[in-house]
Amino acid sequence: MDLTALMHSHFQDSIEALHSSADELAEPLAAAVELLFATVANNGKILACGNGGSAADAQHFIAELVGRFERDRLPLAGIALNTDTSILTAVGNDYGFDAIFERQVAALGQTGDILVAISTSGNSPNVLRAIEIAHERDMVVIALTGKGGGQIGEKLRDTDIHLCVPHQRTMRIQEVHIVLLHALCDGIDSLLLGEP
């Protein structure tokens, strides 16, 4: 096995995934930035959730909002719903794992807030239930998916934004998701602070 060739193929595959995503997602990504900016400018908050690598991405995204991205600014209101182990284990124990995000959106989400729902497959039951509650609260959903969007793609409303990476491999989808999240952060900062 030629490991160097295998490693090279990862770079090439990732580049191709980014190119195809740029062609398909630049416009909805810009629309998502405008929605997120309007939310934080009007004292709304951003809730984010996901499982596994998507949980790490949700936490990373919220850290960039509450802390800072590349430039100093005021903190922006955001909560990663997958970070509080007491809530996750209590709700998981009492209501089941599928309810861990739903209960938090029901408790914390309000009209004018945004849910950033991350699922590479688009089929995570707990993320789907969070989306349902967000809709009941008249919240906009920005969904990051791949593999055609799955059930999440079917649940989204016209007012939501679907950033579906046009790829089937989980690792490539996750790689593009972090680029999308960084682009959202940079877009928000550009609207708040002007061009760098």
C-alpha atoms as a PDB file:
ATOM      1  CA  MET A   1       0.000   0.000   0.000  1.00  0.00           C
ATOM      2  CA  ASP A   2       1.303   3.426  -0.966  1.00  0.00           C
ATOM      3  CA  LEU A   3       0.443   5.508   2.120  1.00  0.00           C
ATOM      4  CA  THR A   4       1.771   8.700   0.571  1.00  0.00           C
ATOM      5  CA  ALA A   5      -0.625   8.304  -2.356  1.00  0.00           C
ATOM      6  CA  LEU A   6      -3.475   7.587   0.068  1.00  0.00           C
ATOM      7  CA  MET A   7      -2.667  10.743   2.043  1.00  0.00           C
ATOM      8  CA  HIS A   8      -2.483  12.764  -1.172  1.00  0.00           C
ATOM      9  CA  SER A   9      -5.898  11.449  -2.204  1.00  0.00           C
ATOM     10  CA  HIS A  10      -7.399  12.814   1.028  1.00  0.00           C
ATOM     11  CA  PHE A  11      -6.225  16.309   0.164  1.00  0.00           C
ATOM     12  CA  GLN A  12      -7.551  16.015  -3.380  1.00  0.00           C
ATOM     13  CA  ASP A  13     -10.913  14.666  -2.257  1.00  0.00           C
ATOM     14  CA  SER A  14     -11.243  17.422   0.342  1.00  0.00           C
ATOM     15  CA  ILE A  15     -10.402  20.097  -2.236  1.00  0.00           C
ATOM     16  CA  GLU A  16     -13.034  18.711  -4.605  1.00  0.00           C
ATOM     17  CA  ALA A  17     -15.632  18.657  -1.803  1.00  0.00           C
ATOM     18  CA  LEU A  18     -14.849  22.293  -1.005  1.00  0.00           C
ATOM     19  CA  HIS A  19     -15.064  23.337  -4.670  1.00  0.00           C
ATOM     20  CA  SER A  20     -18.446  21.717  -5.218  1.00  0.00           C
ATOM     21  CA  SER A  21     -19.702  23.130  -1.919  1.00  0.00           C
ATOM     22  CA  ALA A  22     -18.568  26.635  -2.831  1.00  0.00           C
ATOM     23  CA  ASP A  23     -20.555  26.460  -6.057  1.00  0.00           C
ATOM     24  CA  GLU A  24     -23.725  25.257  -4.316  1.00  0.00           C
ATOM     25  CA  LEU A  25     -23.582  26.896  -0.911  1.00  0.00           C
ATOM     26  CA  ALA A  26     -22.116  30.404  -1.248  1.00  0.00           C
ATOM     27  CA  GLU A  27     -25.523  32.020  -1.776  1.00  0.00           C
ATOM     28  CA  PRO A  28     -27.416  30.279   1.053  1.00  0.00           C
ATOM     29  CA  LEU A  29     -24.359  30.780   3.280  1.00  0.00           C
ATOM     30  CA  ALA A  30     -24.546  34.547   2.721  1.00  0.00           C
ATOM     31  CA  ALA A  31     -28.278  34.440   3.525  1.00  0.00           C
ATOM     32  CA  ALA A  32     -27.478  32.551   6.748  1.00  0.00           C
ATOM     33  CA  VAL A  33     -24.990  35.250   7.752  1.00  0.00           C
ATOM     34  CA  GLU A  34     -27.682  37.908   7.321  1.00  0.00           C
ATOM     35  CA  LEU A  35     -30.121  35.935   9.487  1.00  0.00           C
ATOM     36  CA  LEU A  36     -27.554  35.341  12.213  1.00  0.00           C
ATOM     37  CA  PHE A  37     -26.503  38.986  12.195  1.00  0.00           C
ATOM     38  CA  ALA A  38     -30.122  40.151  12.453  1.00  0.00           C
ATOM     39  CA  THR A  39     -30.645  37.781  15.377  1.00  0.00           C
ATOM     40  CA  VAL A  40     -27.693  38.985  17.439  1.00  0.00           C
ATOM     41  CA  ALA A  41     -28.345  42.626  16.495  1.00  0.00           C
ATOM     42  CA  ASN A  42     -31.866  42.288  17.908  1.00  0.00           C
ATOM     43  CA  ASN A  43     -30.755  40.675  21.180  1.00  0.00           C
ATOM     44  CA  GLY A  44     -31.638  37.162  20.043  1.00  0.00           C
ATOM     45  CA  LYS A  45     -29.502  34.140  20.699  1.00  0.00           C
ATOM     46  CA  ILE A  46     -28.106  31.291  18.673  1.00  0.00           C
ATOM     47  CA  LEU A  47     -28.604  27.726  19.872  1.00  0.00           C
ATOM     48  CA  ALA A  48     -26.505  24.992  18.264  1.00  0.00           C
ATOM     49  CA  CYS A  49     -26.580  21.214  18.522  1.00  0.00           C
ATOM     50  CA  GLY A  50     -25.164  18.055  17.033  1.00  0.00           C
ATOM     51  CA  ASN A  51     -23.786  14.629  17.935  1.00  0.00           C
ATOM     52  CA  GLY A  52     -20.196  13.382  17.905  1.00  0.00           C
ATOM     53  CA  GLY A  53     -18.100  15.438  15.497  1.00  0.00           C
ATOM     54  CA  SER A  54     -21.121  17.658  14.899  1.00  0.00           C
ATOM     55  CA  ALA A  55     -21.310  18.280  18.656  1.00  0.00           C
ATOM     56  CA  ALA A  56     -17.684  19.406  18.549  1.00  0.00           C
ATOM     57  CA  ASP A  57     -18.535  21.703  15.625  1.00  0.00           C
ATOM     58  CA  ALA A  58     -21.532  23.172  17.491  1.00  0.00           C
ATOM     59  CA  GLN A  59     -19.371  23.836  20.542  1.00  0.00           C
ATOM     60  CA  HIS A  60     -16.587  25.323  18.401  1.00  0.00           C
ATOM     61  CA  PHE A  61     -19.040  27.632  16.605  1.00  0.00           C
ATOM     62  CA  ILE A  62     -20.569  28.918  19.831  1.00  0.00           C
ATOM     63  CA  ALA A  63     -17.112  29.450  21.347  1.00  0.00           C
ATOM     64  CA  GLU A  64     -16.252  31.724  18.393  1.00  0.00           C
ATOM     65  CA  LEU A  65     -19.436  33.744  18.996  1.00  0.00           C
ATOM     66  CA  VAL A  66     -19.213  34.111  22.765  1.00  0.00           C
ATOM     67  CA  GLY A  67     -15.443  34.528  22.777  1.00  0.00           C
ATOM     68  CA  ARG A  68     -14.285  36.003  19.510  1.00  0.00           C
ATOM     69  CA  PHE A  69     -13.418  34.886  16.027  1.00  0.00           C
ATOM     70  CA  GLU A  70     -10.405  36.721  14.563  1.00  0.00           C
ATOM     71  CA  ARG A  71     -11.101  40.236  15.829  1.00  0.00           C
ATOM     72  CA  ASP A  72     -12.069  41.676  19.195  1.00  0.00           C
ATOM     73  CA  ARG A  73     -15.737  42.530  19.594  1.00  0.00           C
ATOM     74  CA  LEU A  74     -18.499  42.245  22.134  1.00  0.00           C
ATOM     75  CA  PRO A  75     -19.568  38.685  22.969  1.00  0.00           C
ATOM     76  CA  LEU A  76     -22.532  37.342  21.024  1.00  0.00           C
ATOM     77  CA  ALA A  77     -25.275  35.267  22.662  1.00  0.00           C
ATOM     78  CA  GLY A  78     -24.947  31.589  21.875  1.00  0.00           C
ATOM     79  CA  ILE A  79     -25.417  28.256  23.618  1.00  0.00           C
ATOM     80  CA  ALA A  80     -24.134  24.839  22.529  1.00  0.00           C
ATOM     81  CA  LEU A  81     -26.851  22.432  23.634  1.00  0.00           C
ATOM     82  CA  ASN A  82     -24.488  19.445  23.742  1.00  0.00           C
ATOM     83  CA  THR A  83     -22.111  20.744  26.436  1.00  0.00           C
ATOM     84  CA  ASP A  84     -23.978  20.531  29.758  1.00  0.00           C
ATOM     85  CA  THR A  85     -23.439  16.989  30.986  1.00  0.00           C
ATOM     86  CA  SER A  86     -25.927  17.348  33.847  1.00  0.00           C
ATOM     87  CA  ILE A  87     -28.717  18.361  31.473  1.00  0.00           C
ATOM     88  CA  LEU A  88     -27.744  15.741  28.891  1.00  0.00           C
ATOM     89  CA  THR A  89     -27.633  12.908  31.396  1.00  0.00           C
ATOM     90  CA  ALA A  90     -30.731  13.986  33.331  1.00  0.00           C
ATOM     91  CA  VAL A  91     -32.862  14.426  30.222  1.00  0.00           C
ATOM     92  CA  GLY A  92     -31.372  11.330  28.599  1.00  0.00           C
ATOM     93  CA  ASN A  93     -32.127   9.277  31.700  1.00  0.00           C
ATOM     94  CA  ASP A  94     -35.646  10.629  32.272  1.00  0.00           C
ATOM     95  CA  TYR A  95     -36.907  11.177  28.710  1.00  0.00           C
ATOM     96  CA  GLY A  96     -34.482   9.336  26.423  1.00  0.00           C
ATOM     97  CA  PHE A  97     -31.515  10.434  24.322  1.00  0.00           C
ATOM     98  CA  ASP A  98     -33.769  11.691  21.517  1.00  0.00           C
ATOM     99  CA  ALA A  99     -35.072  14.440  23.856  1.00  0.00           C
ATOM    100  CA  ILE A 100     -31.747  15.946  24.962  1.00  0.00           C
ATOM    101  CA  PHE A 101     -31.872  18.917  22.568  1.00  0.00           C
ATOM    102  CA  GLU A 102     -35.653  19.192  22.324  1.00  0.00           C
ATOM    103  CA  ARG A 103     -36.010  19.926  26.055  1.00  0.00           C
ATOM    104  CA  GLN A 104     -33.338  22.615  25.927  1.00  0.00           C
ATOM    105  CA  VAL A 105     -34.849  24.335  22.895  1.00  0.00           C
ATOM    106  CA  ALA A 106     -38.226  24.247  24.674  1.00  0.00           C
ATOM    107  CA  ALA A 107     -36.644  25.831  27.763  1.00  0.00           C
ATOM    108  CA  LEU A 108     -34.351  28.379  26.119  1.00  0.00           C
ATOM    109  CA  GLY A 109     -35.592  29.086  22.596  1.00  0.00           C
ATOM    110  CA  GLN A 110     -37.795  32.042  21.765  1.00  0.00           C
ATOM    111  CA  THR A 111     -39.183  33.676  18.658  1.00  0.00           C
ATOM    112  CA  GLY A 112     -36.313  35.607  17.114  1.00  0.00           C
ATOM    113  CA  ASP A 113     -33.675  33.057  18.101  1.00  0.00           C
ATOM    114  CA  ILE A 114     -31.949  30.722  15.639  1.00  0.00           C
ATOM    115  CA  LEU A 115     -31.224  27.016  15.908  1.00  0.00           C
ATOM    116  CA  VAL A 116     -28.087  25.839  14.123  1.00  0.00           C
ATOM    117  CA  ALA A 117     -28.722  22.115  13.666  1.00  0.00           C
ATOM    118  CA  ILE A 118     -25.763  20.001  12.566  1.00  0.00           C
ATOM    119  CA  SER A 119     -26.053  16.413  11.315  1.00  0.00           C
ATOM    120  CA  THR A 120     -23.835  14.900   8.635  1.00  0.00           C
ATOM    121  CA  SER A 121     -26.503  12.341   7.714  1.00  0.00           C
ATOM    122  CA  GLY A 122     -29.478  14.632   8.192  1.00  0.00           C
ATOM    123  CA  ASN A 123     -31.163  11.844  10.156  1.00  0.00           C
ATOM    124  CA  SER A 124     -30.204  12.383  13.818  1.00  0.00           C
ATOM    125  CA  PRO A 125     -33.432  11.860  15.813  1.00  0.00           C
ATOM    126  CA  ASN A 126     -32.493  14.273  18.604  1.00  0.00           C
ATOM    127  CA  VAL A 127     -31.604  17.015  16.115  1.00  0.00           C
ATOM    128  CA  LEU A 128     -34.854  16.413  14.240  1.00  0.00           C
ATOM    129  CA  ARG A 129     -36.829  16.822  17.455  1.00  0.00           C
ATOM    130  CA  ALA A 130     -34.944  20.029  18.269  1.00  0.00           C
ATOM    131  CA  ILE A 131     -35.963  21.371  14.845  1.00  0.00           C
ATOM    132  CA  GLU A 132     -39.613  20.515  15.490  1.00  0.00           C
ATOM    133  CA  ILE A 133     -39.608  22.442  18.782  1.00  0.00           C
ATOM    134  CA  ALA A 134     -37.738  25.350  17.198  1.00  0.00           C
ATOM    135  CA  HIS A 135     -40.490  25.573  14.567  1.00  0.00           C
ATOM    136  CA  GLU A 136     -43.151  25.517  17.280  1.00  0.00           C
ATOM    137  CA  ARG A 137     -41.355  28.502  18.829  1.00  0.00           C
ATOM    138  CA  ASP A 138     -41.213  30.307  15.452  1.00  0.00           C
ATOM    139  CA  MET A 139     -37.445  30.065  15.388  1.00  0.00           C
ATOM    140  CA  VAL A 140     -35.508  29.961  12.137  1.00  0.00           C
ATOM    141  CA  VAL A 141     -33.334  26.888  11.601  1.00  0.00           C
ATOM    142  CA  ILE A 142     -29.992  26.843   9.827  1.00  0.00           C
ATOM    143  CA  ALA A 143     -29.225  23.186   9.117  1.00  0.00           C
ATOM    144  CA  LEU A 144     -25.806  21.842   8.181  1.00  0.00           C
ATOM    145  CA  THR A 145     -26.086  18.383   6.649  1.00  0.00           C
ATOM    146  CA  GLY A 146     -24.674  16.193   3.910  1.00  0.00           C
ATOM    147  CA  LYS A 147     -25.627  12.993   2.069  1.00  0.00           C
ATOM    148  CA  GLY A 148     -28.605  14.693   0.407  1.00  0.00           C
ATOM    149  CA  GLY A 149     -29.984  16.213   3.619  1.00  0.00           C
ATOM    150  CA  GLY A 150     -31.908  13.213   4.914  1.00  0.00           C
ATOM    151  CA  GLN A 151     -35.004  13.729   7.048  1.00  0.00           C
ATOM    152  CA  ILE A 152     -33.801  17.151   8.166  1.00  0.00           C
ATOM    153  CA  GLY A 153     -33.952  18.386   4.591  1.00  0.00           C
ATOM    154  CA  GLU A 154     -37.577  17.265   4.438  1.00  0.00           C
ATOM    155  CA  LYS A 155     -38.513  19.001   7.716  1.00  0.00           C
ATOM    156  CA  LEU A 156     -37.144  22.438   6.896  1.00  0.00           C
ATOM    157  CA  ARG A 157     -39.434  25.335   6.072  1.00  0.00           C
ATOM    158  CA  ASP A 158     -39.041  27.912   3.326  1.00  0.00           C
ATOM    159  CA  THR A 159     -37.821  30.414   5.920  1.00  0.00           C
ATOM    160  CA  ASP A 160     -35.047  28.043   7.067  1.00  0.00           C
ATOM    161  CA  ILE A 161     -31.652  27.684   5.409  1.00  0.00           C
ATOM    162  CA  HIS A 162     -30.227  24.327   4.388  1.00  0.00           C
ATOM    163  CA  LEU A 163     -26.467  24.067   3.945  1.00  0.00           C
ATOM    164  CA  CYS A 164     -26.227  20.544   2.558  1.00  0.00           C
ATOM    165  CA  VAL A 165     -22.699  19.518   1.607  1.00  0.00           C
ATOM    166  CA  PRO A 166     -22.835  17.701  -1.747  1.00  0.00           C
ATOM    167  CA  HIS A 167     -20.863  14.666  -0.604  1.00  0.00           C
ATOM    168  CA  GLN A 168     -21.492  11.191   0.829  1.00  0.00           C
ATOM    169  CA  ARG A 169     -18.434  10.662   3.048  1.00  0.00           C
ATOM    170  CA  THR A 170     -18.817  11.775   6.656  1.00  0.00           C
ATOM    171  CA  MET A 171     -15.241  13.023   6.982  1.00  0.00           C
ATOM    172  CA  ARG A 172     -15.554  15.273   3.920  1.00  0.00           C
ATOM    173  CA  ILE A 173     -18.909  16.617   5.110  1.00  0.00           C
ATOM    174  CA  GLN A 174     -17.421  17.443   8.514  1.00  0.00           C
ATOM    175  CA  GLU A 175     -14.449  19.161   6.893  1.00  0.00           C
ATOM    176  CA  VAL A 176     -16.754  21.373   4.863  1.00  0.00           C
ATOM    177  CA  HIS A 177     -18.972  22.029   7.894  1.00  0.00           C
ATOM    178  CA  ILE A 178     -16.097  23.643   9.771  1.00  0.00           C
ATOM    179  CA  VAL A 179     -15.368  25.855   6.760  1.00  0.00           C
ATOM    180  CA  LEU A 180     -19.057  26.835   6.658  1.00  0.00           C
ATOM    181  CA  LEU A 181     -19.078  27.658  10.369  1.00  0.00           C
ATOM    182  CA  HIS A 182     -15.911  29.732  10.092  1.00  0.00           C
ATOM    183  CA  ALA A 183     -17.419  31.552   7.102  1.00  0.00           C
ATOM    184  CA  LEU A 184     -20.546  32.305   9.172  1.00  0.00           C
ATOM    185  CA  CYS A 185     -18.375  33.741  11.958  1.00  0.00           C
ATOM    186  CA  ASP A 186     -16.380  35.852   9.520  1.00  0.00           C
ATOM    187  CA  GLY A 187     -19.551  37.075   7.825  1.00  0.00           C
ATOM    188  CA  ILE A 188     -21.124  38.106  11.134  1.00  0.00           C
ATOM    189  CA  ASP A 189     -17.955  39.940  12.145  1.00  0.00           C
ATOM    190  CA  SER A 190     -17.790  41.674   8.759  1.00  0.00           C
ATOM    191  CA  LEU A 191     -21.330  42.995   9.230  1.00  0.00           C
ATOM    192  CA  LEU A 192     -20.627  44.010  12.818  1.00  0.00           C
ATOM    193  CA  LEU A 193     -17.154  45.472  12.376  1.00  0.00           C
ATOM    194  CA  GLY A 194     -16.760  46.159   8.663  1.00  0.00           C
ATOM    195  CA  GLU A 195     -14.302  44.550   6.287  1.00  0.00           C
ATOM    196  CA  PRO A 196     -11.026  43.484   7.977  1.00  0.00           C
END
